[in-house]
Amino acid sequence: MDINSIKSTYATNAYSYQKQSTSAENNTKNSTAEDTGVVYEKSTDRSAIIEKMKSDDIANVVEVENSSFDIPWSKESFENELKNKLAMYLVAKVDEKAVGYVGVWKIFDEGHITNVAVHPDYRGQGIGKSLISELLYLCEKEAINSLTLEVR
């Protein structure tokens, strides 16, 4: 699917977002998920910060994976993905705990979404939509023109 079509599908005024620096003093223009958390707010008492996945997030990501899929990826799979130069992964954090994630492989100008999941306790709050929205932003910056997702 064309990335502009995907973006227009997810464009909505129901969610607002505010870019916030992950360090209080570091405020730069044109920040990416690598150096900036993105806070997506919905009319609930929780908000999720979207940021680049780090090795410290893997334990929580595996918990999300195990609670979301009948045949989950292993801890080692996620460790390997973080080393994969073609892969980009984002996590959604609530209270500094990863409660959702999304990943994409960049192959030339195409992206293949590898996985997207939100912990069952955090579903229905717009976190998955926030992850996809930030992934679309990241893909646009990486000159990815189309995306695919294999549903299992």
C-alpha atoms as a PDB file:
ATOM      1  CA  MET A   1       0.000   0.000   0.000  1.00  0.00           C
ATOM      2  CA  ASP A   2       1.232   3.516  -0.820  1.00  0.00           C
ATOM      3  CA  ILE A   3       2.540   5.323   2.285  1.00  0.00           C
ATOM      4  CA  ASN A   4       0.470   8.462   1.591  1.00  0.00           C
ATOM      5  CA  SER A   5      -2.701   6.351   1.491  1.00  0.00           C
ATOM      6  CA  ILE A   6      -1.724   4.768   4.787  1.00  0.00           C
ATOM      7  CA  LYS A   7      -0.993   8.161   6.334  1.00  0.00           C
ATOM      8  CA  SER A   8      -4.360   9.566   5.267  1.00  0.00           C
ATOM      9  CA  THR A   9      -6.060   6.507   6.764  1.00  0.00           C
ATOM     10  CA  TYR A  10      -4.451   7.239  10.121  1.00  0.00           C
ATOM     11  CA  ALA A  11      -4.845  11.035   9.964  1.00  0.00           C
ATOM     12  CA  THR A  12      -7.302  12.053  12.663  1.00  0.00           C
ATOM     13  CA  ASN A  13      -7.948  14.867  15.077  1.00  0.00           C
ATOM     14  CA  ALA A  14      -8.959  12.418  17.808  1.00  0.00           C
ATOM     15  CA  TYR A  15      -5.339  12.125  18.917  1.00  0.00           C
ATOM     16  CA  SER A  16      -2.966  14.962  19.564  1.00  0.00           C
ATOM     17  CA  TYR A  17       0.725  14.567  19.954  1.00  0.00           C
ATOM     18  CA  GLN A  18       3.462  16.668  21.375  1.00  0.00           C
ATOM     19  CA  LYS A  19       7.119  16.026  20.728  1.00  0.00           C
ATOM     20  CA  GLN A  20       9.074  16.051  23.948  1.00  0.00           C
ATOM     21  CA  SER A  21      12.787  15.642  24.434  1.00  0.00           C
ATOM     22  CA  THR A  22      13.795  12.500  26.314  1.00  0.00           C
ATOM     23  CA  SER A  23      16.340  14.569  28.199  1.00  0.00           C
ATOM     24  CA  ALA A  24      14.965  17.726  29.791  1.00  0.00           C
ATOM     25  CA  GLU A  25      17.599  20.075  28.352  1.00  0.00           C
ATOM     26  CA  ASN A  26      17.937  18.571  24.835  1.00  0.00           C
ATOM     27  CA  ASN A  27      15.405  20.298  22.601  1.00  0.00           C
ATOM     28  CA  THR A  28      16.272  19.946  18.896  1.00  0.00           C
ATOM     29  CA  LYS A  29      14.422  20.580  15.634  1.00  0.00           C
ATOM     30  CA  ASN A  30      13.365  17.725  13.370  1.00  0.00           C
ATOM     31  CA  SER A  31      13.933  15.072  16.023  1.00  0.00           C
ATOM     32  CA  THR A  32      13.251  11.433  15.254  1.00  0.00           C
ATOM     33  CA  ALA A  33      12.078   8.573  17.428  1.00  0.00           C
ATOM     34  CA  GLU A  34      15.732   7.806  18.106  1.00  0.00           C
ATOM     35  CA  ASP A  35      16.277  10.952  20.146  1.00  0.00           C
ATOM     36  CA  THR A  36      12.790  12.072  21.072  1.00  0.00           C
ATOM     37  CA  GLY A  37       9.889  10.511  22.884  1.00  0.00           C
ATOM     38  CA  VAL A  38       6.501  11.285  21.386  1.00  0.00           C
ATOM     39  CA  VAL A  39       3.659  11.585  23.856  1.00  0.00           C
ATOM     40  CA  TYR A  40       0.269  10.608  22.468  1.00  0.00           C
ATOM     41  CA  GLU A  41      -2.614  11.581  24.656  1.00  0.00           C
ATOM     42  CA  LYS A  42      -6.167  10.329  24.633  1.00  0.00           C
ATOM     43  CA  SER A  43      -8.963  11.157  27.006  1.00  0.00           C
ATOM     44  CA  THR A  44      -7.710   8.724  29.636  1.00  0.00           C
ATOM     45  CA  ASP A  45      -5.391   9.103  32.581  1.00  0.00           C
ATOM     46  CA  ARG A  46      -2.580   7.291  30.713  1.00  0.00           C
ATOM     47  CA  SER A  47      -0.275   8.471  27.979  1.00  0.00           C
ATOM     48  CA  ALA A  48       2.348   6.518  26.089  1.00  0.00           C
ATOM     49  CA  ILE A  49       5.787   7.717  25.097  1.00  0.00           C
ATOM     50  CA  ILE A  50       6.943   6.337  21.743  1.00  0.00           C
ATOM     51  CA  GLU A  51      10.691   5.850  21.378  1.00  0.00           C
ATOM     52  CA  LYS A  52      13.296   3.688  19.709  1.00  0.00           C
ATOM     53  CA  MET A  53      13.484   0.184  21.198  1.00  0.00           C
ATOM     54  CA  LYS A  54      16.584  -0.507  23.279  1.00  0.00           C
ATOM     55  CA  SER A  55      17.948  -3.748  24.698  1.00  0.00           C
ATOM     56  CA  ASP A  56      16.575  -2.746  28.122  1.00  0.00           C
ATOM     57  CA  ASP A  57      13.051  -2.913  26.634  1.00  0.00           C
ATOM     58  CA  ILE A  58      13.289  -6.514  25.441  1.00  0.00           C
ATOM     59  CA  ALA A  59      11.992  -8.177  28.626  1.00  0.00           C
ATOM     60  CA  ASN A  60       8.796  -6.101  28.498  1.00  0.00           C
ATOM     61  CA  VAL A  61       8.491  -6.563  24.730  1.00  0.00           C
ATOM     62  CA  VAL A  62       8.705 -10.344  25.177  1.00  0.00           C
ATOM     63  CA  GLU A  63       5.909 -10.093  27.767  1.00  0.00           C
ATOM     64  CA  VAL A  64       3.782  -8.180  25.229  1.00  0.00           C
ATOM     65  CA  GLU A  65       4.681 -10.725  22.534  1.00  0.00           C
ATOM     66  CA  ASN A  66       3.802 -13.720  24.728  1.00  0.00           C
ATOM     67  CA  SER A  67       0.447 -12.213  25.700  1.00  0.00           C
ATOM     68  CA  SER A  68      -0.398 -11.326  22.098  1.00  0.00           C
ATOM     69  CA  PHE A  69       0.561 -14.275  19.888  1.00  0.00           C
ATOM     70  CA  ASP A  70       0.101 -18.058  19.955  1.00  0.00           C
ATOM     71  CA  ILE A  71       3.553 -18.500  18.399  1.00  0.00           C
ATOM     72  CA  PRO A  72       5.590 -15.658  19.908  1.00  0.00           C
ATOM     73  CA  TRP A  73       9.041 -14.476  18.954  1.00  0.00           C
ATOM     74  CA  SER A  74      11.778 -15.338  21.427  1.00  0.00           C
ATOM     75  CA  LYS A  75      13.961 -12.967  23.427  1.00  0.00           C
ATOM     76  CA  GLU A  76      16.822 -13.892  21.097  1.00  0.00           C
ATOM     77  CA  SER A  77      14.744 -12.912  18.059  1.00  0.00           C
ATOM     78  CA  PHE A  78      14.306  -9.402  19.429  1.00  0.00           C
ATOM     79  CA  GLU A  79      17.971  -9.182  20.383  1.00  0.00           C
ATOM     80  CA  ASN A  80      18.869 -10.114  16.801  1.00  0.00           C
ATOM     81  CA  GLU A  81      16.407  -7.585  15.398  1.00  0.00           C
ATOM     82  CA  LEU A  82      18.095  -4.780  17.347  1.00  0.00           C
ATOM     83  CA  LYS A  83      21.385  -5.755  15.638  1.00  0.00           C
ATOM     84  CA  ASN A  84      19.766  -5.973  12.183  1.00  0.00           C
ATOM     85  CA  LYS A  85      20.793  -2.896  10.181  1.00  0.00           C
ATOM     86  CA  LEU A  86      17.623  -3.157   8.069  1.00  0.00           C
ATOM     87  CA  ALA A  87      15.302  -3.176  11.099  1.00  0.00           C
ATOM     88  CA  MET A  88      13.756  -0.278  13.004  1.00  0.00           C
ATOM     89  CA  TYR A  89      11.729  -0.883  16.156  1.00  0.00           C
ATOM     90  CA  LEU A  90       9.700   1.471  18.326  1.00  0.00           C
ATOM     91  CA  VAL A  91       8.166   0.885  21.752  1.00  0.00           C
ATOM     92  CA  ALA A  92       5.284   2.558  23.541  1.00  0.00           C
ATOM     93  CA  LYS A  93       6.053   3.152  27.200  1.00  0.00           C
ATOM     94  CA  VAL A  94       3.706   3.857  30.069  1.00  0.00           C
ATOM     95  CA  ASP A  95       5.396   4.633  33.359  1.00  0.00           C
ATOM     96  CA  GLU A  96       8.730   3.749  31.692  1.00  0.00           C
ATOM     97  CA  LYS A  97       7.531   0.198  30.903  1.00  0.00           C
ATOM     98  CA  ALA A  98       7.235  -0.979  27.275  1.00  0.00           C
ATOM     99  CA  VAL A  99       3.575  -1.906  26.779  1.00  0.00           C
ATOM    100  CA  GLY A 100       3.574  -2.090  22.980  1.00  0.00           C
ATOM    101  CA  TYR A 101       5.931  -2.208  20.028  1.00  0.00           C
ATOM    102  CA  VAL A 102       6.160  -2.103  16.258  1.00  0.00           C
ATOM    103  CA  GLY A 103       8.948  -3.037  13.877  1.00  0.00           C
ATOM    104  CA  VAL A 104       9.750  -2.581  10.215  1.00  0.00           C
ATOM    105  CA  TRP A 105      12.456  -3.805   7.859  1.00  0.00           C
ATOM    106  CA  LYS A 106      13.641  -1.306   5.254  1.00  0.00           C
ATOM    107  CA  ILE A 107      14.313  -3.029   1.940  1.00  0.00           C
ATOM    108  CA  PHE A 108      15.318  -0.417  -0.638  1.00  0.00           C
ATOM    109  CA  ASP A 109      12.364   2.008  -0.667  1.00  0.00           C
ATOM    110  CA  GLU A 110       9.868  -0.459   0.781  1.00  0.00           C
ATOM    111  CA  GLY A 111       9.043  -1.316   4.359  1.00  0.00           C
ATOM    112  CA  HIS A 112       7.863  -4.646   5.712  1.00  0.00           C
ATOM    113  CA  ILE A 113       6.111  -4.332   9.083  1.00  0.00           C
ATOM    114  CA  THR A 114       7.411  -7.302  11.043  1.00  0.00           C
ATOM    115  CA  ASN A 115       5.205  -7.091  14.114  1.00  0.00           C
ATOM    116  CA  VAL A 116       2.916  -4.765  15.998  1.00  0.00           C
ATOM    117  CA  ALA A 117       1.405  -5.562  19.385  1.00  0.00           C
ATOM    118  CA  VAL A 118       0.056  -3.919  22.526  1.00  0.00           C
ATOM    119  CA  HIS A 119      -0.211  -5.632  25.908  1.00  0.00           C
ATOM    120  CA  PRO A 120      -3.846  -6.689  26.556  1.00  0.00           C
ATOM    121  CA  ASP A 121      -4.030  -4.460  29.657  1.00  0.00           C
ATOM    122  CA  TYR A 122      -3.321  -1.392  27.496  1.00  0.00           C
ATOM    123  CA  ARG A 123      -5.460  -2.092  24.446  1.00  0.00           C
ATOM    124  CA  GLY A 124      -8.280   0.223  23.455  1.00  0.00           C
ATOM    125  CA  GLN A 125      -6.356   3.355  24.437  1.00  0.00           C
ATOM    126  CA  GLY A 126      -4.958   4.304  21.035  1.00  0.00           C
ATOM    127  CA  ILE A 127      -1.450   3.028  21.752  1.00  0.00           C
ATOM    128  CA  GLY A 128      -1.351   0.798  18.662  1.00  0.00           C
ATOM    129  CA  LYS A 129      -2.540   3.675  16.506  1.00  0.00           C
ATOM    130  CA  SER A 130       0.139   5.902  18.036  1.00  0.00           C
ATOM    131  CA  LEU A 131       2.817   3.318  17.268  1.00  0.00           C
ATOM    132  CA  ILE A 132       1.690   3.061  13.640  1.00  0.00           C
ATOM    133  CA  SER A 133       1.506   6.852  13.296  1.00  0.00           C
ATOM    134  CA  GLU A 134       5.057   7.301  14.560  1.00  0.00           C
ATOM    135  CA  LEU A 135       6.218   4.403  12.369  1.00  0.00           C
ATOM    136  CA  LEU A 136       4.730   6.181   9.341  1.00  0.00           C
ATOM    137  CA  TYR A 137       6.609   9.345  10.292  1.00  0.00           C
ATOM    138  CA  LEU A 138       9.837   7.360  10.647  1.00  0.00           C
ATOM    139  CA  CYS A 139       9.279   5.586   7.319  1.00  0.00           C
ATOM    140  CA  GLU A 140       8.703   8.881   5.558  1.00  0.00           C
ATOM    141  CA  LYS A 141      11.990  10.230   6.949  1.00  0.00           C
ATOM    142  CA  GLU A 142      13.718   7.032   5.743  1.00  0.00           C
ATOM    143  CA  ALA A 143      12.282   7.455   2.199  1.00  0.00           C
ATOM    144  CA  ILE A 144      10.128   4.332   2.465  1.00  0.00           C
ATOM    145  CA  ASN A 145       7.401   4.671  -0.177  1.00  0.00           C
ATOM    146  CA  SER A 146       5.250   1.624   0.564  1.00  0.00           C
ATOM    147  CA  LEU A 147       4.563  -0.747   3.426  1.00  0.00           C
ATOM    148  CA  THR A 148       3.431  -4.354   3.715  1.00  0.00           C
ATOM    149  CA  LEU A 149       2.184  -6.324   6.706  1.00  0.00           C
ATOM    150  CA  GLU A 150       1.741 -10.075   6.824  1.00  0.00           C
ATOM    151  CA  VAL A 151      -1.084 -10.932   9.212  1.00  0.00           C
ATOM    152  CA  ARG A 152      -0.794 -14.146  11.188  1.00  0.00           C
END
